[in-house]
Amino acid sequence: MFVRANRSIRTGGYTLVELLVVIAIIGILMALLLPAVQAARESGRRNQCRNHLKQLGLAVEGHVTALRRYPANGWGHTWIGDPDRGTGKEQPGGWVYNLLAYLEQSSLRELGRGMSPADKRQAVTRLLQTPLAVALCPSRATAALSPSAPHGILRNAEWQPQIAKGHYAVNGGDFFEEAAIWQGPETLHQGDANLYVWADLTKFTGVIYQRSEIQPAMVRDGLSQTYLIGEKHVSRSHYDTHEDEGFNQSLYVGECLDLVRWVLQPPQQDAESPAVQRFGSAHAGGCHFVFCDGAVRTIGYQIDPEVHRRLGNRKDGLPVGESQY
């Protein structure tokens, strides 16, 4: 006798409940994976930032090897680098400009060399809109060019509304004098002939600053105990505006708030309000510095203010143990 089996025959497809369960599972997995992906990306950006500082440190080392001193930081924010005037106190451009030849950017460093003043002015103007990848931290979502300080005055170039900026600053030490970040002399002759009242550089305690010509032997606290270059604080609200006074000039100008920072306060993670004298970064864990010995280290935002100050002063004679930072 034939007995038919009592089976439930499936006609194919998924039920609505099953689809909802699958969608829910995918959503949970994405929620779990997204922070990990973002953390991995930020880790890569931090490493790239550290690598940029390492390259800048190597460029400084190349400059020191060739000239036995650190580059000067120029005359003021009204001056762009001059290709015919070396890298010392006679050079109106700042430290970034003075390192171009050691960053495999000799063609940029030589723009305008040997030209008439008028032709040189036009050539140097092109620098203002020439980004430099090694000068930028990838954790900051800034455009290649962004607005410059409105109606700016430049002595040896034409002002441009959109310029290339930088995210790193040299160590100016623990003494700040506003006169050192003024516009600078009006002419090359005025600067060369000491017809301009320069800041008193004997008070400065950093490594690279206005018209400085510091030699490694003058870093008396030790190369491994002294900041060279670090990330600078930039207002999150003004990554792409001109309203942060420490982030509205070209990276090829001379001494100004864009190129140098001080150690009077600990580094600070980027916030909404500008902090134009401080080091800082977009990274959550801390701020990266390259020291005078070429080592790149991360300095936490909670570093003791006195330790931070000592690391910025090249000659105070106060030791700092590595465990302190």
C-alpha atoms as a PDB file:
ATOM      1  CA  MET A   1       0.000   0.000   0.000  1.00  0.00           C
ATOM      2  CA  PHE A   2       1.404   3.455  -1.032  1.00  0.00           C
ATOM      3  CA  VAL A   3       1.473   6.063   1.697  1.00  0.00           C
ATOM      4  CA  ARG A   4       2.139   9.743   0.698  1.00  0.00           C
ATOM      5  CA  ALA A   5       4.557  11.525   2.984  1.00  0.00           C
ATOM      6  CA  ASN A   6       3.118  14.618   4.607  1.00  0.00           C
ATOM      7  CA  ARG A   7       5.722  17.287   3.661  1.00  0.00           C
ATOM      8  CA  SER A   8       5.697  21.035   3.603  1.00  0.00           C
ATOM      9  CA  ILE A   9       6.827  22.027   0.135  1.00  0.00           C
ATOM     10  CA  ARG A  10       8.798  25.382  -0.031  1.00  0.00           C
ATOM     11  CA  THR A  11       8.068  27.411  -3.130  1.00  0.00           C
ATOM     12  CA  GLY A  12      11.350  29.506  -2.865  1.00  0.00           C
ATOM     13  CA  GLY A  13      12.306  33.041  -1.662  1.00  0.00           C
ATOM     14  CA  TYR A  14      12.693  34.591   1.769  1.00  0.00           C
ATOM     15  CA  THR A  15      10.056  35.733   4.162  1.00  0.00           C
ATOM     16  CA  LEU A  16       9.849  39.330   5.270  1.00  0.00           C
ATOM     17  CA  VAL A  17      10.967  38.361   8.757  1.00  0.00           C
ATOM     18  CA  GLU A  18      14.075  36.652   7.423  1.00  0.00           C
ATOM     19  CA  LEU A  19      15.003  39.700   5.344  1.00  0.00           C
ATOM     20  CA  LEU A  20      14.594  41.975   8.334  1.00  0.00           C
ATOM     21  CA  VAL A  21      16.796  39.694  10.424  1.00  0.00           C
ATOM     22  CA  VAL A  22      19.528  39.738   7.744  1.00  0.00           C
ATOM     23  CA  ILE A  23      19.355  43.532   7.453  1.00  0.00           C
ATOM     24  CA  ALA A  24      19.590  43.868  11.231  1.00  0.00           C
ATOM     25  CA  ILE A  25      22.634  41.593  11.346  1.00  0.00           C
ATOM     26  CA  ILE A  26      24.352  43.582   8.576  1.00  0.00           C
ATOM     27  CA  GLY A  27      23.617  46.825  10.427  1.00  0.00           C
ATOM     28  CA  ILE A  28      25.108  45.445  13.644  1.00  0.00           C
ATOM     29  CA  LEU A  29      28.223  44.256  11.822  1.00  0.00           C
ATOM     30  CA  MET A  30      28.670  47.635  10.153  1.00  0.00           C
ATOM     31  CA  ALA A  31      28.254  49.421  13.476  1.00  0.00           C
ATOM     32  CA  LEU A  32      30.935  47.168  14.968  1.00  0.00           C
ATOM     33  CA  LEU A  33      33.321  47.457  12.030  1.00  0.00           C
ATOM     34  CA  LEU A  34      33.040  51.188  11.297  1.00  0.00           C
ATOM     35  CA  PRO A  35      34.922  52.387  14.404  1.00  0.00           C
ATOM     36  CA  ALA A  36      37.634  49.825  13.721  1.00  0.00           C
ATOM     37  CA  VAL A  37      37.946  50.991  10.110  1.00  0.00           C
ATOM     38  CA  GLN A  38      38.051  54.638  11.189  1.00  0.00           C
ATOM     39  CA  ALA A  39      40.656  53.842  13.845  1.00  0.00           C
ATOM     40  CA  ALA A  40      42.793  52.004  11.278  1.00  0.00           C
ATOM     41  CA  ARG A  41      42.574  54.947   8.892  1.00  0.00           C
ATOM     42  CA  GLU A  42      43.507  57.437  11.604  1.00  0.00           C
ATOM     43  CA  SER A  43      46.411  55.207  12.624  1.00  0.00           C
ATOM     44  CA  GLY A  44      47.630  55.356   9.029  1.00  0.00           C
ATOM     45  CA  ARG A  45      47.251  59.132   8.989  1.00  0.00           C
ATOM     46  CA  ARG A  46      49.184  59.444  12.262  1.00  0.00           C
ATOM     47  CA  ASN A  47      51.993  57.345  10.848  1.00  0.00           C
ATOM     48  CA  GLN A  48      52.078  59.488   7.726  1.00  0.00           C
ATOM     49  CA  CYS A  49      52.213  62.619   9.872  1.00  0.00           C
ATOM     50  CA  ARG A  50      55.135  61.170  11.834  1.00  0.00           C
ATOM     51  CA  ASN A  51      56.842  60.344   8.555  1.00  0.00           C
ATOM     52  CA  HIS A  52      56.431  63.944   7.388  1.00  0.00           C
ATOM     53  CA  LEU A  53      58.109  65.186  10.550  1.00  0.00           C
ATOM     54  CA  LYS A  54      60.862  62.627  10.071  1.00  0.00           C
ATOM     55  CA  GLN A  55      61.463  63.959   6.557  1.00  0.00           C
ATOM     56  CA  LEU A  56      61.562  67.516   7.847  1.00  0.00           C
ATOM     57  CA  GLY A  57      64.048  66.466  10.512  1.00  0.00           C
ATOM     58  CA  LEU A  58      66.242  64.804   7.874  1.00  0.00           C
ATOM     59  CA  ALA A  59      66.088  67.978   5.769  1.00  0.00           C
ATOM     60  CA  VAL A  60      67.283  69.998   8.763  1.00  0.00           C
ATOM     61  CA  GLU A  61      70.064  67.447   9.277  1.00  0.00           C
ATOM     62  CA  GLY A  62      71.089  67.923   5.637  1.00  0.00           C
ATOM     63  CA  HIS A  63      71.158  71.687   6.149  1.00  0.00           C
ATOM     64  CA  VAL A  64      73.256  71.321   9.312  1.00  0.00           C
ATOM     65  CA  THR A  65      75.676  68.971   7.561  1.00  0.00           C
ATOM     66  CA  ALA A  66      76.139  71.443   4.713  1.00  0.00           C
ATOM     67  CA  LEU A  67      76.234  74.701   6.674  1.00  0.00           C
ATOM     68  CA  ARG A  68      76.916  73.669  10.303  1.00  0.00           C
ATOM     69  CA  ARG A  69      73.875  75.525  11.603  1.00  0.00           C
ATOM     70  CA  TYR A  70      70.100  75.386  11.595  1.00  0.00           C
ATOM     71  CA  PRO A  71      68.201  77.465   9.023  1.00  0.00           C
ATOM     72  CA  ALA A  72      66.969  80.898  10.026  1.00  0.00           C
ATOM     73  CA  ASN A  73      63.263  81.741  10.085  1.00  0.00           C
ATOM     74  CA  GLY A  74      63.234  84.905   8.017  1.00  0.00           C
ATOM     75  CA  TRP A  75      62.146  88.467   8.601  1.00  0.00           C
ATOM     76  CA  GLY A  76      58.370  88.543   8.932  1.00  0.00           C
ATOM     77  CA  HIS A  77      55.069  87.673   7.273  1.00  0.00           C
ATOM     78  CA  THR A  78      55.380  90.383   4.605  1.00  0.00           C
ATOM     79  CA  TRP A  79      58.360  88.634   3.038  1.00  0.00           C
ATOM     80  CA  ILE A  80      58.560  85.536   0.820  1.00  0.00           C
ATOM     81  CA  GLY A  81      61.809  83.652   0.371  1.00  0.00           C
ATOM     82  CA  ASP A  82      64.416  85.164  -1.950  1.00  0.00           C
ATOM     83  CA  PRO A  83      66.367  82.608  -4.048  1.00  0.00           C
ATOM     84  CA  ASP A  84      69.524  84.771  -4.111  1.00  0.00           C
ATOM     85  CA  ARG A  85      69.966  85.276  -0.377  1.00  0.00           C
ATOM     86  CA  GLY A  86      71.090  82.033   1.291  1.00  0.00           C
ATOM     87  CA  THR A  87      69.447  80.546   4.407  1.00  0.00           C
ATOM     88  CA  GLY A  88      70.854  82.725   7.201  1.00  0.00           C
ATOM     89  CA  LYS A  89      69.895  86.036   8.767  1.00  0.00           C
ATOM     90  CA  GLU A  90      70.002  87.775   5.365  1.00  0.00           C
ATOM     91  CA  GLN A  91      67.194  85.509   4.060  1.00  0.00           C
ATOM     92  CA  PRO A  92      63.712  87.067   4.426  1.00  0.00           C
ATOM     93  CA  GLY A  93      61.933  83.724   3.889  1.00  0.00           C
ATOM     94  CA  GLY A  94      61.361  81.272   6.719  1.00  0.00           C
ATOM     95  CA  TRP A  95      62.449  77.759   7.630  1.00  0.00           C
ATOM     96  CA  VAL A  96      60.243  75.916   5.133  1.00  0.00           C
ATOM     97  CA  TYR A  97      61.654  77.968   2.274  1.00  0.00           C
ATOM     98  CA  ASN A  98      65.177  77.413   3.572  1.00  0.00           C
ATOM     99  CA  LEU A  99      64.716  73.642   3.585  1.00  0.00           C
ATOM    100  CA  LEU A 100      63.342  73.275   0.046  1.00  0.00           C
ATOM    101  CA  ALA A 101      66.691  72.261  -1.421  1.00  0.00           C
ATOM    102  CA  TYR A 102      66.973  69.518   1.225  1.00  0.00           C
ATOM    103  CA  LEU A 103      63.437  68.256   0.530  1.00  0.00           C
ATOM    104  CA  GLU A 104      64.212  67.506  -3.139  1.00  0.00           C
ATOM    105  CA  GLN A 105      62.462  70.743  -4.117  1.00  0.00           C
ATOM    106  CA  SER A 106      65.417  72.632  -5.558  1.00  0.00           C
ATOM    107  CA  SER A 107      63.368  73.792  -8.543  1.00  0.00           C
ATOM    108  CA  LEU A 108      61.022  75.640  -6.164  1.00  0.00           C
ATOM    109  CA  ARG A 109      63.940  77.078  -4.195  1.00  0.00           C
ATOM    110  CA  GLU A 110      65.489  78.451  -7.388  1.00  0.00           C
ATOM    111  CA  LEU A 111      62.372  80.142  -8.763  1.00  0.00           C
ATOM    112  CA  GLY A 112      63.447  83.660  -9.752  1.00  0.00           C
ATOM    113  CA  ARG A 113      67.168  83.116  -9.136  1.00  0.00           C
ATOM    114  CA  GLY A 114      69.283  85.715 -10.917  1.00  0.00           C
ATOM    115  CA  MET A 115      66.282  87.540 -12.376  1.00  0.00           C
ATOM    116  CA  SER A 116      65.550  91.253 -12.328  1.00  0.00           C
ATOM    117  CA  PRO A 117      63.541  92.418  -9.280  1.00  0.00           C
ATOM    118  CA  ALA A 118      60.321  92.648 -11.312  1.00  0.00           C
ATOM    119  CA  ASP A 119      60.698  89.216 -12.911  1.00  0.00           C
ATOM    120  CA  LYS A 120      61.786  87.672  -9.597  1.00  0.00           C
ATOM    121  CA  ARG A 121      58.682  89.109  -7.939  1.00  0.00           C
ATOM    122  CA  GLN A 122      56.453  87.321 -10.441  1.00  0.00           C
ATOM    123  CA  ALA A 123      58.384  84.062 -10.133  1.00  0.00           C
ATOM    124  CA  VAL A 124      58.331  84.098  -6.344  1.00  0.00           C
ATOM    125  CA  THR A 125      54.582  84.805  -6.429  1.00  0.00           C
ATOM    126  CA  ARG A 126      54.056  81.352  -7.959  1.00  0.00           C
ATOM    127  CA  LEU A 127      55.392  79.840  -4.754  1.00  0.00           C
ATOM    128  CA  LEU A 128      52.391  81.134  -2.834  1.00  0.00           C
ATOM    129  CA  GLN A 129      50.117  78.684  -4.642  1.00  0.00           C
ATOM    130  CA  THR A 130      52.466  75.685  -4.650  1.00  0.00           C
ATOM    131  CA  PRO A 131      51.426  73.110  -2.004  1.00  0.00           C
ATOM    132  CA  LEU A 132      54.068  71.019  -0.252  1.00  0.00           C
ATOM    133  CA  ALA A 133      52.788  67.597   0.771  1.00  0.00           C
ATOM    134  CA  VAL A 134      55.406  67.079   3.478  1.00  0.00           C
ATOM    135  CA  ALA A 135      54.180  70.241   5.231  1.00  0.00           C
ATOM    136  CA  LEU A 136      50.659  68.876   5.772  1.00  0.00           C
ATOM    137  CA  CYS A 137      49.168  66.478   8.316  1.00  0.00           C
ATOM    138  CA  PRO A 138      46.653  64.141   6.597  1.00  0.00           C
ATOM    139  CA  SER A 139      44.421  64.097   9.697  1.00  0.00           C
ATOM    140  CA  ARG A 140      43.367  67.660   8.944  1.00  0.00           C
ATOM    141  CA  ALA A 141      40.836  67.801   6.139  1.00  0.00           C
ATOM    142  CA  THR A 142      42.203  70.973   4.571  1.00  0.00           C
ATOM    143  CA  ALA A 143      42.236  71.885   0.898  1.00  0.00           C
ATOM    144  CA  ALA A 144      45.477  72.177  -1.075  1.00  0.00           C
ATOM    145  CA  LEU A 145      44.900  75.937  -1.204  1.00  0.00           C
ATOM    146  CA  SER A 146      42.874  77.998   1.254  1.00  0.00           C
ATOM    147  CA  PRO A 147      42.155  81.676   1.930  1.00  0.00           C
ATOM    148  CA  SER A 148      44.984  83.978   2.968  1.00  0.00           C
ATOM    149  CA  ALA A 149      44.807  86.941   5.312  1.00  0.00           C
ATOM    150  CA  PRO A 150      42.717  89.539   3.426  1.00  0.00           C
ATOM    151  CA  HIS A 151      44.488  92.508   1.869  1.00  0.00           C
ATOM    152  CA  GLY A 152      47.876  91.238   2.953  1.00  0.00           C
ATOM    153  CA  ILE A 153      51.031  93.216   2.173  1.00  0.00           C
ATOM    154  CA  LEU A 154      53.969  91.415   0.582  1.00  0.00           C
ATOM    155  CA  ARG A 155      57.268  93.184  -0.031  1.00  0.00           C
ATOM    156  CA  ASN A 156      58.631  90.885  -2.728  1.00  0.00           C
ATOM    157  CA  ALA A 157      55.604  89.072  -4.207  1.00  0.00           C
ATOM    158  CA  GLU A 158      52.021  89.711  -5.223  1.00  0.00           C
ATOM    159  CA  TRP A 159      49.349  88.913  -2.639  1.00  0.00           C
ATOM    160  CA  GLN A 160      47.115  85.969  -3.590  1.00  0.00           C
ATOM    161  CA  PRO A 161      43.648  85.217  -2.149  1.00  0.00           C
ATOM    162  CA  GLN A 162      44.287  81.440  -2.127  1.00  0.00           C
ATOM    163  CA  ILE A 163      47.602  80.127  -0.837  1.00  0.00           C
ATOM    164  CA  ALA A 164      49.418  76.964   0.244  1.00  0.00           C
ATOM    165  CA  LYS A 165      49.751  76.649   4.030  1.00  0.00           C
ATOM    166  CA  GLY A 166      51.512  74.303   6.441  1.00  0.00           C
ATOM    167  CA  HIS A 167      50.636  72.362   9.599  1.00  0.00           C
ATOM    168  CA  TYR A 168      54.048  72.291  11.298  1.00  0.00           C
ATOM    169  CA  ALA A 169      55.989  74.920  13.254  1.00  0.00           C
ATOM    170  CA  VAL A 170      59.512  75.249  14.573  1.00  0.00           C
ATOM    171  CA  ASN A 171      60.355  75.533  18.244  1.00  0.00           C
ATOM    172  CA  GLY A 172      60.667  79.195  19.253  1.00  0.00           C
ATOM    173  CA  GLY A 173      61.434  78.380  22.896  1.00  0.00           C
ATOM    174  CA  ASP A 174      59.883  79.724  26.093  1.00  0.00           C
ATOM    175  CA  PHE A 175      60.342  83.433  25.400  1.00  0.00           C
ATOM    176  CA  PHE A 176      57.801  85.248  23.238  1.00  0.00           C
ATOM    177  CA  GLU A 177      58.307  88.773  21.926  1.00  0.00           C
ATOM    178  CA  GLU A 178      55.620  90.217  19.715  1.00  0.00           C
ATOM    179  CA  ALA A 179      58.118  92.400  17.880  1.00  0.00           C
ATOM    180  CA  ALA A 180      59.637  89.281  16.314  1.00  0.00           C
ATOM    181  CA  ILE A 181      56.424  88.446  14.463  1.00  0.00           C
ATOM    182  CA  TRP A 182      55.750  91.918  13.079  1.00  0.00           C
ATOM    183  CA  GLN A 183      55.863  92.678   9.371  1.00  0.00           C
ATOM    184  CA  GLY A 184      59.613  93.170   9.223  1.00  0.00           C
ATOM    185  CA  PRO A 185      61.528  95.846   7.291  1.00  0.00           C
ATOM    186  CA  GLU A 186      60.027  97.506   4.245  1.00  0.00           C
ATOM    187  CA  THR A 187      63.037  96.951   1.977  1.00  0.00           C
ATOM    188  CA  LEU A 188      65.996  94.612   1.680  1.00  0.00           C
ATOM    189  CA  HIS A 189      68.363  97.526   2.239  1.00  0.00           C
ATOM    190  CA  GLN A 190      66.566  98.508   5.433  1.00  0.00           C
ATOM    191  CA  GLY A 191      67.006  94.989   6.761  1.00  0.00           C
ATOM    192  CA  ASP A 192      70.599  94.529   5.628  1.00  0.00           C
ATOM    193  CA  ALA A 193      71.802  97.896   6.908  1.00  0.00           C
ATOM    194  CA  ASN A 194      70.168  97.452  10.347  1.00  0.00           C
ATOM    195  CA  LEU A 195      67.925 100.435   9.711  1.00  0.00           C
ATOM    196  CA  TYR A 196      65.079  98.346  11.077  1.00  0.00           C
ATOM    197  CA  VAL A 197      64.677  97.764  14.816  1.00  0.00           C
ATOM    198  CA  TRP A 198      64.950  93.994  15.147  1.00  0.00           C
ATOM    199  CA  ALA A 199      63.853  92.043  18.207  1.00  0.00           C
ATOM    200  CA  ASP A 200      66.579  91.313  20.785  1.00  0.00           C
ATOM    201  CA  LEU A 201      67.547  87.788  19.764  1.00  0.00           C
ATOM    202  CA  THR A 202      69.735  87.208  22.831  1.00  0.00           C
ATOM    203  CA  LYS A 203      66.548  86.534  24.810  1.00  0.00           C
ATOM    204  CA  PHE A 204      65.300  83.769  22.534  1.00  0.00           C
ATOM    205  CA  THR A 205      65.621  80.203  23.803  1.00  0.00           C
ATOM    206  CA  GLY A 206      64.367  78.078  20.907  1.00  0.00           C
ATOM    207  CA  VAL A 207      66.212  76.544  17.979  1.00  0.00           C
ATOM    208  CA  ILE A 208      64.836  78.324  14.902  1.00  0.00           C
ATOM    209  CA  TYR A 209      63.388  81.837  15.019  1.00  0.00           C
ATOM    210  CA  GLN A 210      63.686  85.264  13.378  1.00  0.00           C
ATOM    211  CA  ARG A 211      67.185  85.688  11.851  1.00  0.00           C
ATOM    212  CA  SER A 212      68.551  82.889  14.041  1.00  0.00           C
ATOM    213  CA  GLU A 213      71.771  81.065  13.189  1.00  0.00           C
ATOM    214  CA  ILE A 214      71.854  78.435  15.941  1.00  0.00           C
ATOM    215  CA  GLN A 215      74.503  75.722  15.764  1.00  0.00           C
ATOM    216  CA  PRO A 216      73.994  72.242  17.264  1.00  0.00           C
ATOM    217  CA  ALA A 217      76.621  72.996  19.931  1.00  0.00           C
ATOM    218  CA  MET A 218      74.404  75.855  21.118  1.00  0.00           C
ATOM    219  CA  VAL A 219      71.671  73.337  22.015  1.00  0.00           C
ATOM    220  CA  ARG A 220      73.296  72.875  25.388  1.00  0.00           C
ATOM    221  CA  ASP A 221      70.538  70.753  26.935  1.00  0.00           C
ATOM    222  CA  GLY A 222      71.202  68.004  24.378  1.00  0.00           C
ATOM    223  CA  LEU A 223      69.781  67.254  20.951  1.00  0.00           C
ATOM    224  CA  SER A 224      67.624  64.428  22.330  1.00  0.00           C
ATOM    225  CA  GLN A 225      66.208  66.779  24.974  1.00  0.00           C
ATOM    226  CA  THR A 226      65.091  69.635  22.719  1.00  0.00           C
ATOM    227  CA  TYR A 227      62.171  70.090  20.343  1.00  0.00           C
ATOM    228  CA  LEU A 228      62.987  71.006  16.747  1.00  0.00           C
ATOM    229  CA  ILE A 229      59.675  70.975  14.832  1.00  0.00           C
ATOM    230  CA  GLY A 230      56.178  70.021  15.963  1.00  0.00           C
ATOM    231  CA  GLU A 231      52.582  70.057  14.883  1.00  0.00           C
ATOM    232  CA  LYS A 232      50.891  73.391  15.491  1.00  0.00           C
ATOM    233  CA  HIS A 233      47.399  74.026  16.834  1.00  0.00           C
ATOM    234  CA  VAL A 234      44.854  75.001  14.171  1.00  0.00           C
ATOM    235  CA  SER A 235      41.266  75.972  14.894  1.00  0.00           C
ATOM    236  CA  ARG A 236      38.869  73.282  13.619  1.00  0.00           C
ATOM    237  CA  SER A 237      36.461  76.039  12.595  1.00  0.00           C
ATOM    238  CA  HIS A 238      39.082  77.616  10.361  1.00  0.00           C
ATOM    239  CA  TYR A 239      40.774  74.760   8.522  1.00  0.00           C
ATOM    240  CA  ASP A 240      39.609  76.412   5.306  1.00  0.00           C
ATOM    241  CA  THR A 241      39.281  80.084   6.253  1.00  0.00           C
ATOM    242  CA  HIS A 242      41.697  82.946   6.986  1.00  0.00           C
ATOM    243  CA  GLU A 243      40.324  83.674  10.467  1.00  0.00           C
ATOM    244  CA  ASP A 244      42.895  81.739  12.489  1.00  0.00           C
ATOM    245  CA  GLU A 245      45.818  84.182  12.688  1.00  0.00           C
ATOM    246  CA  GLY A 246      48.177  81.255  13.059  1.00  0.00           C
ATOM    247  CA  PHE A 247      46.941  79.670   9.847  1.00  0.00           C
ATOM    248  CA  ASN A 248      46.425  82.403   7.261  1.00  0.00           C
ATOM    249  CA  GLN A 249      49.867  82.974   5.744  1.00  0.00           C
ATOM    250  CA  SER A 250      51.846  81.103   3.103  1.00  0.00           C
ATOM    251  CA  LEU A 251      54.247  78.449   4.344  1.00  0.00           C
ATOM    252  CA  TYR A 252      57.012  80.255   2.400  1.00  0.00           C
ATOM    253  CA  VAL A 253      56.865  83.537   4.370  1.00  0.00           C
ATOM    254  CA  GLY A 254      59.229  84.609   7.126  1.00  0.00           C
ATOM    255  CA  GLU A 255      58.841  84.602  10.915  1.00  0.00           C
ATOM    256  CA  CYS A 256      55.192  84.701  11.963  1.00  0.00           C
ATOM    257  CA  LEU A 257      52.581  82.784  13.945  1.00  0.00           C
ATOM    258  CA  ASP A 258      52.193  80.354  11.027  1.00  0.00           C
ATOM    259  CA  LEU A 259      55.796  79.159  11.186  1.00  0.00           C
ATOM    260  CA  VAL A 260      56.825  79.155  14.854  1.00  0.00           C
ATOM    261  CA  ARG A 261      55.210  78.183  18.160  1.00  0.00           C
ATOM    262  CA  TRP A 262      56.287  78.444  21.770  1.00  0.00           C
ATOM    263  CA  VAL A 263      56.226  76.237  24.863  1.00  0.00           C
ATOM    264  CA  LEU A 264      54.595  78.639  27.298  1.00  0.00           C
ATOM    265  CA  GLN A 265      51.558  76.322  27.360  1.00  0.00           C
ATOM    266  CA  PRO A 266      51.265  72.562  26.745  1.00  0.00           C
ATOM    267  CA  PRO A 267      50.158  71.337  23.310  1.00  0.00           C
ATOM    268  CA  GLN A 268      46.411  71.231  22.757  1.00  0.00           C
ATOM    269  CA  GLN A 269      44.216  69.142  20.497  1.00  0.00           C
ATOM    270  CA  ASP A 270      42.602  71.235  17.769  1.00  0.00           C
ATOM    271  CA  ALA A 271      39.634  73.118  19.225  1.00  0.00           C
ATOM    272  CA  GLU A 272      37.110  75.582  17.860  1.00  0.00           C
ATOM    273  CA  SER A 273      38.960  78.655  19.130  1.00  0.00           C
ATOM    274  CA  PRO A 274      42.425  79.564  17.761  1.00  0.00           C
ATOM    275  CA  ALA A 275      45.477  79.100  19.995  1.00  0.00           C
ATOM    276  CA  VAL A 276      48.109  80.868  17.926  1.00  0.00           C
ATOM    277  CA  GLN A 277      51.117  80.404  20.214  1.00  0.00           C
ATOM    278  CA  ARG A 278      50.610  76.718  21.002  1.00  0.00           C
ATOM    279  CA  PHE A 279      51.670  73.474  19.470  1.00  0.00           C
ATOM    280  CA  GLY A 280      48.838  70.995  18.882  1.00  0.00           C
ATOM    281  CA  SER A 281      47.293  68.566  16.443  1.00  0.00           C
ATOM    282  CA  ALA A 282      44.154  66.916  15.170  1.00  0.00           C
ATOM    283  CA  HIS A 283      45.182  63.574  16.719  1.00  0.00           C
ATOM    284  CA  ALA A 284      43.378  62.382  19.815  1.00  0.00           C
ATOM    285  CA  GLY A 285      46.419  60.820  21.461  1.00  0.00           C
ATOM    286  CA  GLY A 286      48.865  63.702  21.401  1.00  0.00           C
ATOM    287  CA  CYS A 287      51.066  65.956  19.325  1.00  0.00           C
ATOM    288  CA  HIS A 288      54.053  64.763  17.274  1.00  0.00           C
ATOM    289  CA  PHE A 289      57.463  66.415  17.502  1.00  0.00           C
ATOM    290  CA  VAL A 290      60.775  65.765  15.819  1.00  0.00           C
ATOM    291  CA  PHE A 291      63.607  66.449  18.255  1.00  0.00           C
ATOM    292  CA  CYS A 292      66.977  67.926  17.391  1.00  0.00           C
ATOM    293  CA  ASP A 293      68.490  64.432  17.270  1.00  0.00           C
ATOM    294  CA  GLY A 294      66.032  63.450  14.513  1.00  0.00           C
ATOM    295  CA  ALA A 295      63.820  61.228  16.685  1.00  0.00           C
ATOM    296  CA  VAL A 296      60.055  61.627  16.308  1.00  0.00           C
ATOM    297  CA  ARG A 297      58.084  61.338  19.536  1.00  0.00           C
ATOM    298  CA  THR A 298      54.462  61.795  20.556  1.00  0.00           C
ATOM    299  CA  ILE A 299      53.910  64.294  23.354  1.00  0.00           C
ATOM    300  CA  GLY A 300      50.639  63.858  25.227  1.00  0.00           C
ATOM    301  CA  TYR A 301      48.328  66.779  25.845  1.00  0.00           C
ATOM    302  CA  GLN A 302      48.590  66.072  29.567  1.00  0.00           C
ATOM    303  CA  ILE A 303      52.358  66.602  29.678  1.00  0.00           C
ATOM    304  CA  ASP A 304      53.508  68.551  32.713  1.00  0.00           C
ATOM    305  CA  PRO A 305      53.747  72.217  31.639  1.00  0.00           C
ATOM    306  CA  GLU A 306      57.195  72.560  33.182  1.00  0.00           C
ATOM    307  CA  VAL A 307      58.506  69.506  31.332  1.00  0.00           C
ATOM    308  CA  HIS A 308      57.096  70.867  28.090  1.00  0.00           C
ATOM    309  CA  ARG A 309      58.766  74.218  28.724  1.00  0.00           C
ATOM    310  CA  ARG A 310      62.107  72.577  29.403  1.00  0.00           C
ATOM    311  CA  LEU A 311      61.915  70.583  26.171  1.00  0.00           C
ATOM    312  CA  GLY A 312      61.457  73.852  24.300  1.00  0.00           C
ATOM    313  CA  ASN A 313      64.347  75.720  25.949  1.00  0.00           C
ATOM    314  CA  ARG A 314      67.638  74.672  24.387  1.00  0.00           C
ATOM    315  CA  LYS A 315      69.871  76.040  27.149  1.00  0.00           C
ATOM    316  CA  ASP A 316      68.201  76.173  30.569  1.00  0.00           C
ATOM    317  CA  GLY A 317      70.329  73.334  31.947  1.00  0.00           C
ATOM    318  CA  LEU A 318      67.333  71.507  33.432  1.00  0.00           C
ATOM    319  CA  PRO A 319      67.352  67.788  32.583  1.00  0.00           C
ATOM    320  CA  VAL A 320      64.230  65.941  31.466  1.00  0.00           C
ATOM    321  CA  GLY A 321      63.931  62.179  31.702  1.00  0.00           C
ATOM    322  CA  GLU A 322      62.190  60.434  28.812  1.00  0.00           C
ATOM    323  CA  SER A 323      59.757  58.868  31.283  1.00  0.00           C
ATOM    324  CA  GLN A 324      58.476  62.379  32.040  1.00  0.00           C
ATOM    325  CA  TYR A 325      56.928  62.665  28.599  1.00  0.00           C
END
